[in-house]
Amino acid sequence: MKPAKEICPTTTMGKIKEGALIVDVRSPKEVKTVTFDVPNYVNIPLDQLEERIHEIPKDKDVVFVDKTGTKSLKATYFLMNAGYENVYNMKDGLVKWVAKKFPTKGDTASLFVIGDFNSDCC
């Protein structure tokens, strides 16, 4: 299998402007606290992806996102294995998105807890 296509938040923003679908694979509880403020956004938790795969179009770019890019990478590979070609993982997730000051709704401070991923790191 070929490696997943991973893109940064800036490239993701470009894809959003071109009409890409953003699929957030975090839990509803996580999404309720803080989320992306973009069009063409859907929350499909990773544990529901297999049963909800029909909601993801094959004919447009799809970017999977989560808090740090780990669960979304799993989702990207899952869709690749299911025959999807235009799927991407947003590297470093919502944490990096917030660090770039891209649009969000909710409490972004909740993303940064002691011992968690530090967006100031290289």
Foldseek 3Di string as FASTA:
>chain_A
DDAAAEDALVVVVVLLVVPEAEEEQDDPVVVVAKDADGPNYDYHHLVRCVVCVVVDDLPGAYEYAYQQQDSSSVVRVVVVVVPRDRYYYHHGGPLLCVVVVHGMDHDNVVSDDPPHDDNVDD
